Amino acid sequence: MSYDVGSGDLVLCVNAAPNHVTGEPVPLVKGETYRVWAVLEFMCPCGRSDALLDVGVGFAWCQSRFRLLPKPRQEAKPRKASTPKEVEAV
């Protein structure tokens, strides 16, 4: 594939067609996001990808079924300004 997917990345399912090797229906849902548990460096039997992705559903799926989502940007949170404590003179 043209992108590197790693463990922990979010991917979008773009192809929930039946299994292209056995023809059985797949439990994936088109349009759902999945977190990658592992990347298995095996050629898919269909020849479309060079890796299988384990997303926790079933065993492993052809990488061509997914598109890598961009990593979420960290949002800036407003911080409270620290003020010095006032000490009473005795």
C-alpha atoms as a PDB file:
ATOM      1  CA  MET A   1       0.000   0.000   0.000  1.00  0.00           C
ATOM      2  CA  SER A   2       1.052   3.581  -0.363  1.00  0.00           C
ATOM      3  CA  TYR A   3       0.841   4.402   3.334  1.00  0.00           C
ATOM      4  CA  ASP A   4       2.300   2.984   6.501  1.00  0.00           C
ATOM      5  CA  VAL A   5      -0.194   1.711   9.042  1.00  0.00           C
ATOM      6  CA  GLY A   6       0.986   0.936  12.532  1.00  0.00           C
ATOM      7  CA  SER A   7      -0.420  -0.539  15.682  1.00  0.00           C
ATOM      8  CA  GLY A   8      -2.794   1.914  17.372  1.00  0.00           C
ATOM      9  CA  ASP A   9      -3.677   3.865  14.193  1.00  0.00           C
ATOM     10  CA  LEU A  10      -7.280   4.585  13.285  1.00  0.00           C
ATOM     11  CA  VAL A  11      -8.529   3.268   9.951  1.00  0.00           C
ATOM     12  CA  LEU A  12     -11.820   3.762   8.099  1.00  0.00           C
ATOM     13  CA  CYS A  13     -13.513   0.736   6.557  1.00  0.00           C
ATOM     14  CA  VAL A  14     -14.252   1.569   2.910  1.00  0.00           C
ATOM     15  CA  ASN A  15     -15.018  -1.930   1.642  1.00  0.00           C
ATOM     16  CA  ALA A  16     -17.316  -4.299   3.520  1.00  0.00           C
ATOM     17  CA  ALA A  17     -17.879  -6.567   0.516  1.00  0.00           C
ATOM     18  CA  PRO A  18     -17.932 -10.329   1.106  1.00  0.00           C
ATOM     19  CA  ASN A  19     -14.597 -12.011   1.739  1.00  0.00           C
ATOM     20  CA  HIS A  20     -12.836 -12.003  -1.622  1.00  0.00           C
ATOM     21  CA  VAL A  21     -11.233 -15.395  -0.994  1.00  0.00           C
ATOM     22  CA  THR A  22     -14.103 -17.437   0.471  1.00  0.00           C
ATOM     23  CA  GLY A  23     -17.133 -15.314  -0.525  1.00  0.00           C
ATOM     24  CA  GLU A  24     -18.490 -15.318   3.041  1.00  0.00           C
ATOM     25  CA  PRO A  25     -20.001 -12.118   4.501  1.00  0.00           C
ATOM     26  CA  VAL A  26     -17.680 -10.045   6.686  1.00  0.00           C
ATOM     27  CA  PRO A  27     -18.523  -8.550  10.102  1.00  0.00           C
ATOM     28  CA  LEU A  28     -16.994  -5.174   9.154  1.00  0.00           C
ATOM     29  CA  VAL A  29     -19.239  -2.138   8.683  1.00  0.00           C
ATOM     30  CA  LYS A  30     -18.535   0.287   5.847  1.00  0.00           C
ATOM     31  CA  GLY A  31     -17.964   3.802   7.208  1.00  0.00           C
ATOM     32  CA  GLU A  32     -16.946   2.624  10.700  1.00  0.00           C
ATOM     33  CA  THR A  33     -13.563   3.412  12.187  1.00  0.00           C
ATOM     34  CA  TYR A  34     -11.411   0.711  13.707  1.00  0.00           C
ATOM     35  CA  ARG A  35      -8.209   0.817  15.763  1.00  0.00           C
ATOM     36  CA  VAL A  36      -5.412  -1.361  14.388  1.00  0.00           C
ATOM     37  CA  TRP A  37      -4.201  -3.925  16.916  1.00  0.00           C
ATOM     38  CA  ALA A  38      -1.504  -5.433  14.736  1.00  0.00           C
ATOM     39  CA  VAL A  39      -0.140  -5.338  11.213  1.00  0.00           C
ATOM     40  CA  LEU A  40       0.674  -8.757   9.804  1.00  0.00           C
ATOM     41  CA  GLU A  41       3.291  -8.557   7.042  1.00  0.00           C
ATOM     42  CA  PHE A  42       1.719 -11.186   4.771  1.00  0.00           C
ATOM     43  CA  MET A  43       0.614 -10.795   1.188  1.00  0.00           C
ATOM     44  CA  CYS A  44      -3.158 -10.943   0.951  1.00  0.00           C
ATOM     45  CA  PRO A  45      -4.319 -13.902  -1.170  1.00  0.00           C
ATOM     46  CA  CYS A  46      -6.095 -11.440  -3.482  1.00  0.00           C
ATOM     47  CA  GLY A  47      -2.776  -9.737  -4.309  1.00  0.00           C
ATOM     48  CA  ARG A  48      -4.122  -6.232  -3.625  1.00  0.00           C
ATOM     49  CA  SER A  49      -2.088  -5.504  -0.495  1.00  0.00           C
ATOM     50  CA  ASP A  50       1.143  -6.430   1.197  1.00  0.00           C
ATOM     51  CA  ALA A  51      -0.260  -6.599   4.743  1.00  0.00           C
ATOM     52  CA  LEU A  52      -3.206  -7.872   6.721  1.00  0.00           C
ATOM     53  CA  LEU A  53      -4.672  -5.737   9.513  1.00  0.00           C
ATOM     54  CA  ASP A  54      -5.966  -7.099  12.807  1.00  0.00           C
ATOM     55  CA  VAL A  55      -8.680  -4.697  13.992  1.00  0.00           C
ATOM     56  CA  GLY A  56     -10.180  -6.955  16.675  1.00  0.00           C
ATOM     57  CA  VAL A  57     -13.023  -8.178  14.458  1.00  0.00           C
ATOM     58  CA  GLY A  58     -12.525 -11.648  13.120  1.00  0.00           C
ATOM     59  CA  PHE A  59      -8.869 -12.499  12.497  1.00  0.00           C
ATOM     60  CA  ALA A  60      -7.183 -10.205   9.959  1.00  0.00           C
ATOM     61  CA  TRP A  61      -8.397  -8.268   6.945  1.00  0.00           C
ATOM     62  CA  CYS A  62      -6.882  -7.124   3.678  1.00  0.00           C
ATOM     63  CA  GLN A  63      -5.330  -3.676   4.036  1.00  0.00           C
ATOM     64  CA  SER A  64      -7.161  -2.577   0.868  1.00  0.00           C
ATOM     65  CA  ARG A  65     -10.450  -2.589   2.847  1.00  0.00           C
ATOM     66  CA  PHE A  66      -9.264   0.364   4.956  1.00  0.00           C
ATOM     67  CA  ARG A  67      -8.000   3.923   4.618  1.00  0.00           C
ATOM     68  CA  LEU A  68      -5.713   5.459   7.192  1.00  0.00           C
ATOM     69  CA  LEU A  69      -7.268   8.354   9.103  1.00  0.00           C
ATOM     70  CA  PRO A  70      -5.125  11.341  10.074  1.00  0.00           C
ATOM     71  CA  LYS A  71      -3.924  11.434  13.646  1.00  0.00           C
ATOM     72  CA  PRO A  72      -6.056  13.733  15.813  1.00  0.00           C
ATOM     73  CA  ARG A  73      -4.440  17.047  16.617  1.00  0.00           C
ATOM     74  CA  GLN A  74      -4.043  17.950  20.216  1.00  0.00           C
ATOM     75  CA  GLU A  75      -6.354  20.792  21.115  1.00  0.00           C
ATOM     76  CA  ALA A  76      -5.013  23.653  23.192  1.00  0.00           C
ATOM     77  CA  LYS A  77      -6.716  23.784  26.571  1.00  0.00           C
ATOM     78  CA  PRO A  78      -7.025  27.103  28.371  1.00  0.00           C
ATOM     79  CA  ARG A  79      -4.812  27.264  31.427  1.00  0.00           C
ATOM     80  CA  LYS A  80      -5.377  29.196  34.614  1.00  0.00           C
ATOM     81  CA  ALA A  81      -2.783  31.791  35.402  1.00  0.00           C
ATOM     82  CA  SER A  82      -1.036  31.086  38.659  1.00  0.00           C
ATOM     83  CA  THR A  83      -1.114  33.901  41.175  1.00  0.00           C
ATOM     84  CA  PRO A  84       1.254  34.213  44.122  1.00  0.00           C
ATOM     85  CA  LYS A  85      -0.235  33.612  47.573  1.00  0.00           C
ATOM     86  CA  GLU A  86      -0.603  36.652  49.704  1.00  0.00           C
ATOM     87  CA  VAL A  87       1.020  36.389  53.101  1.00  0.00           C
ATOM     88  CA  GLU A  88      -0.310  38.469  56.006  1.00  0.00           C
ATOM     89  CA  ALA A  89       2.253  40.486  57.891  1.00  0.00           C
ATOM     90  CA  VAL A  90       2.275  39.685  61.598  1.00  0.00           C
END
